[in-house]
Amino acid sequence: NQFIAAEKITKDLNPTYGSIQKIHTRDADLIALCEDKVLRILAQKDALFNADGNPQLTSTNRVLGQAMPFVGEYGISTNPESFASESYRIYFADKTRGSIMRLSKDGLTAISNHGMSDWFRDNLALNNKIIGSYDSRDKEYNVTLPETDTTVSFDEKVRGWVSFKSFVSEQALSCANNYYTVKEGKLWKHYEESVDRNNFYSNPHNSSVNVLLNDNPSVIKSFFTLSYEGSQSKIDQNLEDNDYYNLQDKKGWYVTDIITNKQKGSLNE
């Protein structure tokens, strides 16, 4: 009944907002995500506005009250599956406008503008389905684009898109501080220490990191040593150097390219 009433309120308010795709309860109000607009609908109270525009709230017996649009010409298009919420924050995709959005206490924000506006503008248009989920373990909002075989993560701590992920799920959710994804109808638990790292859906993946060592192209620097600290590095078998650590191959980290404006190199192990 509340959904039907909310649908009628939005159509009466402005029919150009499109149909409601998702309704979410936040505190005592309802958040209605329409195709082209996001609205806050007061529940169990009504809003009376003074001449100066300041609202005065009074209790009412009405199920739903005033519908007030958030500032910004954004909606959830026809992709309610992109919705994810965490605490007071709401994340969703607006495919029509090529943006990934966040709704928080400061209103609507296009988080796709944090260095990824062009990428999302191009890739959202190529996907009919956009899967959104919140990873409560890593505190990241994950956007999965199945038709372009991509998952990318947004982190509030750095206010940016921190990684492309190697898994492409059909659905995902967080429960009891664990993150689960669904692939081919099977439920998979992430961050399981008993499973090899970077192994998703029984299929091992390779990961890569691009590191910018010198952001000033007019300055030429010489690099004599590349130091690495972390898990197992790659080892190539060598039976002719009288060493023992390389009697057999081992998978691990290695450097495919080191590029400056003057030279190019690599470090295989």
C-alpha atoms as a PDB file:
ATOM      1  CA  ASN A   1       0.000   0.000   0.000  1.00  0.00           C
ATOM      2  CA  GLN A   2       2.829   2.379   0.792  1.00  0.00           C
ATOM      3  CA  PHE A   3       4.413   1.672  -2.606  1.00  0.00           C
ATOM      4  CA  ILE A   4       1.131   2.453  -4.412  1.00  0.00           C
ATOM      5  CA  ALA A   5       0.667   5.620  -2.369  1.00  0.00           C
ATOM      6  CA  ALA A   6       4.266   6.719  -2.999  1.00  0.00           C
ATOM      7  CA  GLU A   7       3.852   6.066  -6.732  1.00  0.00           C
ATOM      8  CA  LYS A   8       0.747   8.272  -6.782  1.00  0.00           C
ATOM      9  CA  ILE A   9       2.495  11.046  -4.827  1.00  0.00           C
ATOM     10  CA  THR A  10       5.424  11.172  -7.262  1.00  0.00           C
ATOM     11  CA  LYS A  11       3.167  11.221 -10.317  1.00  0.00           C
ATOM     12  CA  ASP A  12       1.065  13.989  -8.815  1.00  0.00           C
ATOM     13  CA  LEU A  13       4.234  15.915  -7.957  1.00  0.00           C
ATOM     14  CA  ASN A  14       5.847  15.684 -11.402  1.00  0.00           C
ATOM     15  CA  PRO A  15       5.055  13.003 -13.995  1.00  0.00           C
ATOM     16  CA  THR A  16       8.411  13.593 -15.739  1.00  0.00           C
ATOM     17  CA  TYR A  17      10.243  11.906 -12.834  1.00  0.00           C
ATOM     18  CA  GLY A  18       9.385   8.498 -14.274  1.00  0.00           C
ATOM     19  CA  SER A  19       8.192   5.464 -12.367  1.00  0.00           C
ATOM     20  CA  ILE A  20       9.547   4.429  -8.971  1.00  0.00           C
ATOM     21  CA  GLN A  21      12.220   1.745  -9.328  1.00  0.00           C
ATOM     22  CA  LYS A  22      13.213   1.344  -5.676  1.00  0.00           C
ATOM     23  CA  ILE A  23      11.841   2.367  -2.257  1.00  0.00           C
ATOM     24  CA  HIS A  24      14.166   2.415   0.738  1.00  0.00           C
ATOM     25  CA  THR A  25      13.362   3.230   4.376  1.00  0.00           C
ATOM     26  CA  ARG A  26      15.771   5.685   5.993  1.00  0.00           C
ATOM     27  CA  ASP A  27      15.011   6.659   9.582  1.00  0.00           C
ATOM     28  CA  ALA A  28      11.296   7.544   9.627  1.00  0.00           C
ATOM     29  CA  ASP A  29      11.086   8.523   5.960  1.00  0.00           C
ATOM     30  CA  LEU A  30      10.948   6.770   2.617  1.00  0.00           C
ATOM     31  CA  ILE A  31      13.493   7.314  -0.147  1.00  0.00           C
ATOM     32  CA  ALA A  32      11.893   6.839  -3.562  1.00  0.00           C
ATOM     33  CA  LEU A  33      14.364   6.327  -6.393  1.00  0.00           C
ATOM     34  CA  CYS A  34      12.618   7.143  -9.658  1.00  0.00           C
ATOM     35  CA  GLU A  35      14.014   6.854 -13.159  1.00  0.00           C
ATOM     36  CA  ASP A  36      14.956  10.540 -13.321  1.00  0.00           C
ATOM     37  CA  LYS A  37      14.716  11.821  -9.749  1.00  0.00           C
ATOM     38  CA  VAL A  38      15.289  10.875  -6.110  1.00  0.00           C
ATOM     39  CA  LEU A  39      12.629  11.891  -3.578  1.00  0.00           C
ATOM     40  CA  ARG A  40      12.261  11.923   0.175  1.00  0.00           C
ATOM     41  CA  ILE A  41       8.704  11.096   1.234  1.00  0.00           C
ATOM     42  CA  LEU A  42       7.718  11.955   4.782  1.00  0.00           C
ATOM     43  CA  ALA A  43       6.071   9.126   6.685  1.00  0.00           C
ATOM     44  CA  GLN A  44       3.765   9.568   9.679  1.00  0.00           C
ATOM     45  CA  LYS A  45       4.198  13.328   9.514  1.00  0.00           C
ATOM     46  CA  ASP A  46       3.423  16.238   7.232  1.00  0.00           C
ATOM     47  CA  ALA A  47       5.471  19.263   6.290  1.00  0.00           C
ATOM     48  CA  LEU A  48       3.998  22.752   6.486  1.00  0.00           C
ATOM     49  CA  PHE A  49       6.111  25.532   4.977  1.00  0.00           C
ATOM     50  CA  ASN A  50       6.198  29.117   6.194  1.00  0.00           C
ATOM     51  CA  ALA A  51       6.334  32.047   3.816  1.00  0.00           C
ATOM     52  CA  ASP A  52      10.140  32.147   4.190  1.00  0.00           C
ATOM     53  CA  GLY A  53      10.381  28.530   3.016  1.00  0.00           C
ATOM     54  CA  ASN A  54      11.329  26.992   6.371  1.00  0.00           C
ATOM     55  CA  PRO A  55       9.470  23.760   7.115  1.00  0.00           C
ATOM     56  CA  GLN A  56       7.482  23.222  10.297  1.00  0.00           C
ATOM     57  CA  LEU A  57       6.765  19.547  10.966  1.00  0.00           C
ATOM     58  CA  THR A  58       3.610  18.461  12.726  1.00  0.00           C
ATOM     59  CA  SER A  59       2.337  14.980  13.446  1.00  0.00           C
ATOM     60  CA  THR A  60      -0.411  13.563  11.256  1.00  0.00           C
ATOM     61  CA  ASN A  61      -2.323  10.333  10.811  1.00  0.00           C
ATOM     62  CA  ARG A  62      -1.512  10.217   7.108  1.00  0.00           C
ATOM     63  CA  VAL A  63       0.585   7.224   6.060  1.00  0.00           C
ATOM     64  CA  LEU A  64       2.686   9.288   3.658  1.00  0.00           C
ATOM     65  CA  GLY A  65       3.128  13.027   3.599  1.00  0.00           C
ATOM     66  CA  GLN A  66       5.018  15.584   1.549  1.00  0.00           C
ATOM     67  CA  ALA A  67       7.320  14.316  -1.226  1.00  0.00           C
ATOM     68  CA  MET A  68      10.412  16.485  -1.545  1.00  0.00           C
ATOM     69  CA  PRO A  69      12.969  15.978  -4.368  1.00  0.00           C
ATOM     70  CA  PHE A  70      16.692  16.054  -3.643  1.00  0.00           C
ATOM     71  CA  VAL A  71      18.706  18.694  -5.464  1.00  0.00           C
ATOM     72  CA  GLY A  72      20.209  17.293  -8.648  1.00  0.00           C
ATOM     73  CA  GLU A  73      18.849  15.916 -11.899  1.00  0.00           C
ATOM     74  CA  TYR A  74      19.689  12.291 -11.206  1.00  0.00           C
ATOM     75  CA  GLY A  75      17.718   9.066 -10.863  1.00  0.00           C
ATOM     76  CA  ILE A  76      18.318   5.333 -10.820  1.00  0.00           C
ATOM     77  CA  SER A  77      17.229   4.927 -14.478  1.00  0.00           C
ATOM     78  CA  THR A  78      15.853   1.381 -14.807  1.00  0.00           C
ATOM     79  CA  ASN A  79      18.589  -0.326 -12.776  1.00  0.00           C
ATOM     80  CA  PRO A  80      17.313  -0.896  -9.227  1.00  0.00           C
ATOM     81  CA  GLU A  81      19.792  -3.795  -8.971  1.00  0.00           C
ATOM     82  CA  SER A  82      22.569  -1.175  -8.695  1.00  0.00           C
ATOM     83  CA  PHE A  83      21.214  -0.035  -5.313  1.00  0.00           C
ATOM     84  CA  ALA A  84      23.236  -0.634  -2.144  1.00  0.00           C
ATOM     85  CA  SER A  85      23.055   1.017   1.270  1.00  0.00           C
ATOM     86  CA  GLU A  86      25.359   1.304   4.252  1.00  0.00           C
ATOM     87  CA  SER A  87      24.448   3.241   7.373  1.00  0.00           C
ATOM     88  CA  TYR A  88      23.121   6.613   6.144  1.00  0.00           C
ATOM     89  CA  ARG A  89      24.672   6.329   2.662  1.00  0.00           C
ATOM     90  CA  ILE A  90      22.925   5.060  -0.457  1.00  0.00           C
ATOM     91  CA  TYR A  91      24.715   4.127  -3.676  1.00  0.00           C
ATOM     92  CA  PHE A  92      23.180   3.562  -7.110  1.00  0.00           C
ATOM     93  CA  ALA A  93      23.830   3.929 -10.837  1.00  0.00           C
ATOM     94  CA  ASP A  94      22.223   6.396 -13.237  1.00  0.00           C
ATOM     95  CA  LYS A  95      22.857   4.762 -16.598  1.00  0.00           C
ATOM     96  CA  THR A  96      20.950   7.447 -18.502  1.00  0.00           C
ATOM     97  CA  ARG A  97      23.403  10.114 -17.319  1.00  0.00           C
ATOM     98  CA  GLY A  98      26.452   7.851 -17.186  1.00  0.00           C
ATOM     99  CA  SER A  99      27.013   8.377 -13.460  1.00  0.00           C
ATOM    100  CA  ILE A 100      27.426   6.464 -10.220  1.00  0.00           C
ATOM    101  CA  MET A 101      25.671   8.304  -7.394  1.00  0.00           C
ATOM    102  CA  ARG A 102      25.815   8.523  -3.611  1.00  0.00           C
ATOM    103  CA  LEU A 103      23.018   9.907  -1.450  1.00  0.00           C
ATOM    104  CA  SER A 104      24.130  10.937   2.022  1.00  0.00           C
ATOM    105  CA  LYS A 105      23.505  13.713   4.525  1.00  0.00           C
ATOM    106  CA  ASP A 106      25.089  16.201   2.114  1.00  0.00           C
ATOM    107  CA  GLY A 107      22.637  15.245  -0.639  1.00  0.00           C
ATOM    108  CA  LEU A 108      23.345  13.705  -4.026  1.00  0.00           C
ATOM    109  CA  THR A 109      26.953  13.362  -5.182  1.00  0.00           C
ATOM    110  CA  ALA A 110      28.226  11.905  -8.466  1.00  0.00           C
ATOM    111  CA  ILE A 111      31.086   9.765  -7.129  1.00  0.00           C
ATOM    112  CA  SER A 112      31.885   8.664 -10.688  1.00  0.00           C
ATOM    113  CA  ASN A 113      33.443  12.123 -11.092  1.00  0.00           C
ATOM    114  CA  HIS A 114      36.324  11.044  -8.846  1.00  0.00           C
ATOM    115  CA  GLY A 115      38.633  10.269 -11.747  1.00  0.00           C
ATOM    116  CA  MET A 116      36.273   7.845 -13.525  1.00  0.00           C
ATOM    117  CA  SER A 117      33.651  10.000 -15.244  1.00  0.00           C
ATOM    118  CA  ASP A 118      34.713   9.146 -18.805  1.00  0.00           C
ATOM    119  CA  TRP A 119      35.099   5.448 -18.023  1.00  0.00           C
ATOM    120  CA  PHE A 120      31.630   5.131 -16.529  1.00  0.00           C
ATOM    121  CA  ARG A 121      30.046   7.250 -19.247  1.00  0.00           C
ATOM    122  CA  ASP A 122      31.396   4.793 -21.832  1.00  0.00           C
ATOM    123  CA  ASN A 123      30.897   1.504 -19.987  1.00  0.00           C
ATOM    124  CA  LEU A 124      27.512   1.992 -18.310  1.00  0.00           C
ATOM    125  CA  ALA A 125      25.962   2.428 -21.746  1.00  0.00           C
ATOM    126  CA  LEU A 126      27.242  -1.014 -22.778  1.00  0.00           C
ATOM    127  CA  ASN A 127      25.474  -2.869 -19.940  1.00  0.00           C
ATOM    128  CA  ASN A 128      21.780  -3.533 -19.513  1.00  0.00           C
ATOM    129  CA  LYS A 129      22.314  -4.831 -15.983  1.00  0.00           C
ATOM    130  CA  ILE A 130      24.359  -2.974 -13.335  1.00  0.00           C
ATOM    131  CA  ILE A 131      24.894  -4.874 -10.086  1.00  0.00           C
ATOM    132  CA  GLY A 132      25.682  -2.854  -6.974  1.00  0.00           C
ATOM    133  CA  SER A 133      26.693  -4.233  -3.576  1.00  0.00           C
ATOM    134  CA  TYR A 134      28.383  -3.033  -0.407  1.00  0.00           C
ATOM    135  CA  ASP A 135      31.310  -5.002   0.987  1.00  0.00           C
ATOM    136  CA  SER A 136      31.077  -4.459   4.755  1.00  0.00           C
ATOM    137  CA  ARG A 137      34.398  -6.272   5.251  1.00  0.00           C
ATOM    138  CA  ASP A 138      36.448  -3.932   3.047  1.00  0.00           C
ATOM    139  CA  LYS A 139      34.051  -0.958   3.407  1.00  0.00           C
ATOM    140  CA  GLU A 140      33.701  -0.611  -0.365  1.00  0.00           C
ATOM    141  CA  TYR A 141      30.852  -0.146  -2.826  1.00  0.00           C
ATOM    142  CA  ASN A 142      31.288  -2.627  -5.685  1.00  0.00           C
ATOM    143  CA  VAL A 143      29.836  -2.002  -9.146  1.00  0.00           C
ATOM    144  CA  THR A 144      29.694  -5.044 -11.421  1.00  0.00           C
ATOM    145  CA  LEU A 145      29.137  -4.658 -15.163  1.00  0.00           C
ATOM    146  CA  PRO A 146      28.471  -8.225 -16.417  1.00  0.00           C
ATOM    147  CA  GLU A 147      28.418  -7.506 -20.140  1.00  0.00           C
ATOM    148  CA  THR A 148      31.849  -5.847 -20.055  1.00  0.00           C
ATOM    149  CA  ASP A 149      33.140  -8.385 -17.493  1.00  0.00           C
ATOM    150  CA  THR A 150      34.222  -5.767 -14.959  1.00  0.00           C
ATOM    151  CA  THR A 151      33.912  -5.031 -11.227  1.00  0.00           C
ATOM    152  CA  VAL A 152      35.216  -1.758  -9.783  1.00  0.00           C
ATOM    153  CA  SER A 153      35.247  -0.563  -6.156  1.00  0.00           C
ATOM    154  CA  PHE A 154      34.709   2.799  -4.463  1.00  0.00           C
ATOM    155  CA  ASP A 155      36.208   3.501  -1.025  1.00  0.00           C
ATOM    156  CA  GLU A 156      34.912   6.328   1.178  1.00  0.00           C
ATOM    157  CA  LYS A 157      38.197   6.537   3.103  1.00  0.00           C
ATOM    158  CA  VAL A 158      40.051   7.833   0.053  1.00  0.00           C
ATOM    159  CA  ARG A 159      36.998   9.237  -1.756  1.00  0.00           C
ATOM    160  CA  GLY A 160      37.970   7.427  -4.920  1.00  0.00           C
ATOM    161  CA  TRP A 161      37.837   4.263  -7.031  1.00  0.00           C
ATOM    162  CA  VAL A 162      40.558   2.082  -5.599  1.00  0.00           C
ATOM    163  CA  SER A 163      40.586  -1.129  -7.637  1.00  0.00           C
ATOM    164  CA  PHE A 164      39.324  -3.224 -10.512  1.00  0.00           C
ATOM    165  CA  LYS A 165      38.341  -6.629  -9.117  1.00  0.00           C
ATOM    166  CA  SER A 166      38.936  -9.998 -10.764  1.00  0.00           C
ATOM    167  CA  PHE A 167      35.493 -11.414  -9.920  1.00  0.00           C
ATOM    168  CA  VAL A 168      32.299 -10.715 -11.869  1.00  0.00           C
ATOM    169  CA  SER A 169      29.307 -11.897  -9.847  1.00  0.00           C
ATOM    170  CA  GLU A 170      25.619 -12.335 -10.630  1.00  0.00           C
ATOM    171  CA  GLN A 171      24.597 -10.933  -7.238  1.00  0.00           C
ATOM    172  CA  ALA A 172      26.332  -9.947  -3.996  1.00  0.00           C
ATOM    173  CA  LEU A 173      25.527  -9.102  -0.384  1.00  0.00           C
ATOM    174  CA  SER A 174      27.083  -8.542   3.024  1.00  0.00           C
ATOM    175  CA  CYS A 175      25.940 -10.442   6.107  1.00  0.00           C
ATOM    176  CA  ALA A 176      27.478 -10.534   9.617  1.00  0.00           C
ATOM    177  CA  ASN A 177      30.610  -8.730   8.396  1.00  0.00           C
ATOM    178  CA  ASN A 178      31.138 -11.286   5.637  1.00  0.00           C
ATOM    179  CA  TYR A 179      30.901 -10.646   1.898  1.00  0.00           C
ATOM    180  CA  TYR A 180      29.186 -13.161  -0.381  1.00  0.00           C
ATOM    181  CA  THR A 181      28.732 -13.280  -4.143  1.00  0.00           C
ATOM    182  CA  VAL A 182      26.631 -15.522  -6.368  1.00  0.00           C
ATOM    183  CA  LYS A 183      28.008 -17.149  -9.501  1.00  0.00           C
ATOM    184  CA  GLU A 184      26.026 -19.625 -11.622  1.00  0.00           C
ATOM    185  CA  GLY A 185      23.537 -20.062  -8.789  1.00  0.00           C
ATOM    186  CA  LYS A 186      26.212 -20.890  -6.183  1.00  0.00           C
ATOM    187  CA  LEU A 187      26.994 -18.805  -3.102  1.00  0.00           C
ATOM    188  CA  TRP A 188      30.687 -17.960  -2.531  1.00  0.00           C
ATOM    189  CA  LYS A 189      32.228 -16.496   0.617  1.00  0.00           C
ATOM    190  CA  HIS A 190      35.086 -14.024   0.119  1.00  0.00           C
ATOM    191  CA  TYR A 191      38.144 -13.467   2.367  1.00  0.00           C
ATOM    192  CA  GLU A 192      38.284 -17.174   3.207  1.00  0.00           C
ATOM    193  CA  GLU A 193      41.832 -17.825   4.420  1.00  0.00           C
ATOM    194  CA  SER A 194      41.694 -21.535   3.611  1.00  0.00           C
ATOM    195  CA  VAL A 195      41.397 -20.724  -0.108  1.00  0.00           C
ATOM    196  CA  ASP A 196      44.291 -19.507  -2.257  1.00  0.00           C
ATOM    197  CA  ARG A 197      44.335 -15.751  -2.676  1.00  0.00           C
ATOM    198  CA  ASN A 198      42.983 -14.264  -5.894  1.00  0.00           C
ATOM    199  CA  ASN A 199      41.048 -17.444  -6.569  1.00  0.00           C
ATOM    200  CA  PHE A 200      37.434 -16.679  -7.432  1.00  0.00           C
ATOM    201  CA  TYR A 201      34.846 -19.362  -8.230  1.00  0.00           C
ATOM    202  CA  SER A 202      37.606 -22.039  -8.375  1.00  0.00           C
ATOM    203  CA  ASN A 203      39.332 -20.052 -11.097  1.00  0.00           C
ATOM    204  CA  PRO A 204      42.700 -18.390 -10.261  1.00  0.00           C
ATOM    205  CA  HIS A 205      43.275 -14.871 -11.586  1.00  0.00           C
ATOM    206  CA  ASN A 206      46.275 -12.641 -12.137  1.00  0.00           C
ATOM    207  CA  SER A 207      46.236  -9.115 -10.739  1.00  0.00           C
ATOM    208  CA  SER A 208      48.276  -6.082 -11.727  1.00  0.00           C
ATOM    209  CA  VAL A 209      49.084  -2.728 -10.140  1.00  0.00           C
ATOM    210  CA  ASN A 210      50.239   0.363 -12.034  1.00  0.00           C
ATOM    211  CA  VAL A 211      52.440   2.576  -9.848  1.00  0.00           C
ATOM    212  CA  LEU A 212      53.395   6.157 -10.734  1.00  0.00           C
ATOM    213  CA  LEU A 213      56.913   6.749  -9.406  1.00  0.00           C
ATOM    214  CA  ASN A 214      57.570  10.161 -10.933  1.00  0.00           C
ATOM    215  CA  ASP A 215      54.648  12.456 -11.731  1.00  0.00           C
ATOM    216  CA  ASN A 216      56.930  15.195 -13.103  1.00  0.00           C
ATOM    217  CA  PRO A 217      57.774  14.251 -16.714  1.00  0.00           C
ATOM    218  CA  SER A 218      60.265  17.100 -17.104  1.00  0.00           C
ATOM    219  CA  VAL A 219      62.562  15.614 -14.445  1.00  0.00           C
ATOM    220  CA  ILE A 220      64.708  12.608 -15.392  1.00  0.00           C
ATOM    221  CA  LYS A 221      65.542  10.216 -12.553  1.00  0.00           C
ATOM    222  CA  SER A 222      67.738   7.134 -12.423  1.00  0.00           C
ATOM    223  CA  PHE A 223      66.447   3.998 -10.681  1.00  0.00           C
ATOM    224  CA  PHE A 224      69.109   1.480  -9.677  1.00  0.00           C
ATOM    225  CA  THR A 225      67.132  -0.776  -7.319  1.00  0.00           C
ATOM    226  CA  LEU A 226      63.570  -2.018  -7.142  1.00  0.00           C
ATOM    227  CA  SER A 227      62.749  -3.132  -3.605  1.00  0.00           C
ATOM    228  CA  TYR A 228      59.738  -5.307  -2.875  1.00  0.00           C
ATOM    229  CA  GLU A 229      58.159  -6.314   0.432  1.00  0.00           C
ATOM    230  CA  GLY A 230      55.164  -8.613   0.559  1.00  0.00           C
ATOM    231  CA  SER A 231      54.045 -12.156  -0.220  1.00  0.00           C
ATOM    232  CA  GLN A 232      55.862 -14.699  -2.423  1.00  0.00           C
ATOM    233  CA  SER A 233      57.647 -13.194  -5.415  1.00  0.00           C
ATOM    234  CA  LYS A 234      57.950 -15.012  -8.723  1.00  0.00           C
ATOM    235  CA  ILE A 235      60.830 -17.482  -9.133  1.00  0.00           C
ATOM    236  CA  ASP A 236      62.036 -18.934 -12.425  1.00  0.00           C
ATOM    237  CA  GLN A 237      63.671 -22.347 -12.399  1.00  0.00           C
ATOM    238  CA  ASN A 238      67.459 -22.201 -12.846  1.00  0.00           C
ATOM    239  CA  LEU A 239      69.528 -25.355 -12.372  1.00  0.00           C
ATOM    240  CA  GLU A 240      72.833 -23.869 -13.547  1.00  0.00           C
ATOM    241  CA  ASP A 241      73.629 -21.123 -11.000  1.00  0.00           C
ATOM    242  CA  ASN A 242      74.416 -23.401  -8.007  1.00  0.00           C
ATOM    243  CA  ASP A 243      71.641 -21.811  -5.943  1.00  0.00           C
ATOM    244  CA  TYR A 244      68.880 -23.768  -4.238  1.00  0.00           C
ATOM    245  CA  TYR A 245      66.001 -21.318  -3.946  1.00  0.00           C
ATOM    246  CA  ASN A 246      65.228 -21.620  -7.669  1.00  0.00           C
ATOM    247  CA  LEU A 247      65.235 -25.375  -8.175  1.00  0.00           C
ATOM    248  CA  GLN A 248      61.612 -25.147  -9.240  1.00  0.00           C
ATOM    249  CA  ASP A 249      59.262 -22.483 -10.549  1.00  0.00           C
ATOM    250  CA  LYS A 250      57.099 -20.560  -8.093  1.00  0.00           C
ATOM    251  CA  LYS A 251      54.200 -18.266  -8.844  1.00  0.00           C
ATOM    252  CA  GLY A 252      54.267 -14.783  -7.340  1.00  0.00           C
ATOM    253  CA  TRP A 253      54.757 -11.085  -7.918  1.00  0.00           C
ATOM    254  CA  TYR A 254      56.924  -9.750 -10.726  1.00  0.00           C
ATOM    255  CA  VAL A 255      57.367  -6.559 -12.747  1.00  0.00           C
ATOM    256  CA  THR A 256      56.254  -6.649 -16.374  1.00  0.00           C
ATOM    257  CA  ASP A 257      57.312  -3.101 -17.312  1.00  0.00           C
ATOM    258  CA  ILE A 258      59.297  -0.193 -15.933  1.00  0.00           C
ATOM    259  CA  ILE A 259      58.859   2.758 -18.265  1.00  0.00           C
ATOM    260  CA  THR A 260      60.333   6.257 -18.256  1.00  0.00           C
ATOM    261  CA  ASN A 261      60.468   8.827 -21.010  1.00  0.00           C
ATOM    262  CA  LYS A 262      64.012   7.631 -21.802  1.00  0.00           C
ATOM    263  CA  GLN A 263      64.108   3.881 -21.134  1.00  0.00           C
ATOM    264  CA  LYS A 264      62.038   0.746 -20.674  1.00  0.00           C
ATOM    265  CA  GLY A 265      62.829  -2.349 -18.624  1.00  0.00           C
ATOM    266  CA  SER A 266      61.359  -5.245 -16.659  1.00  0.00           C
ATOM    267  CA  LEU A 267      62.089  -7.474 -13.663  1.00  0.00           C
ATOM    268  CA  ASN A 268      60.962 -11.054 -14.201  1.00  0.00           C
ATOM    269  CA  GLU A 269      61.525 -12.212 -10.611  1.00  0.00           C
END
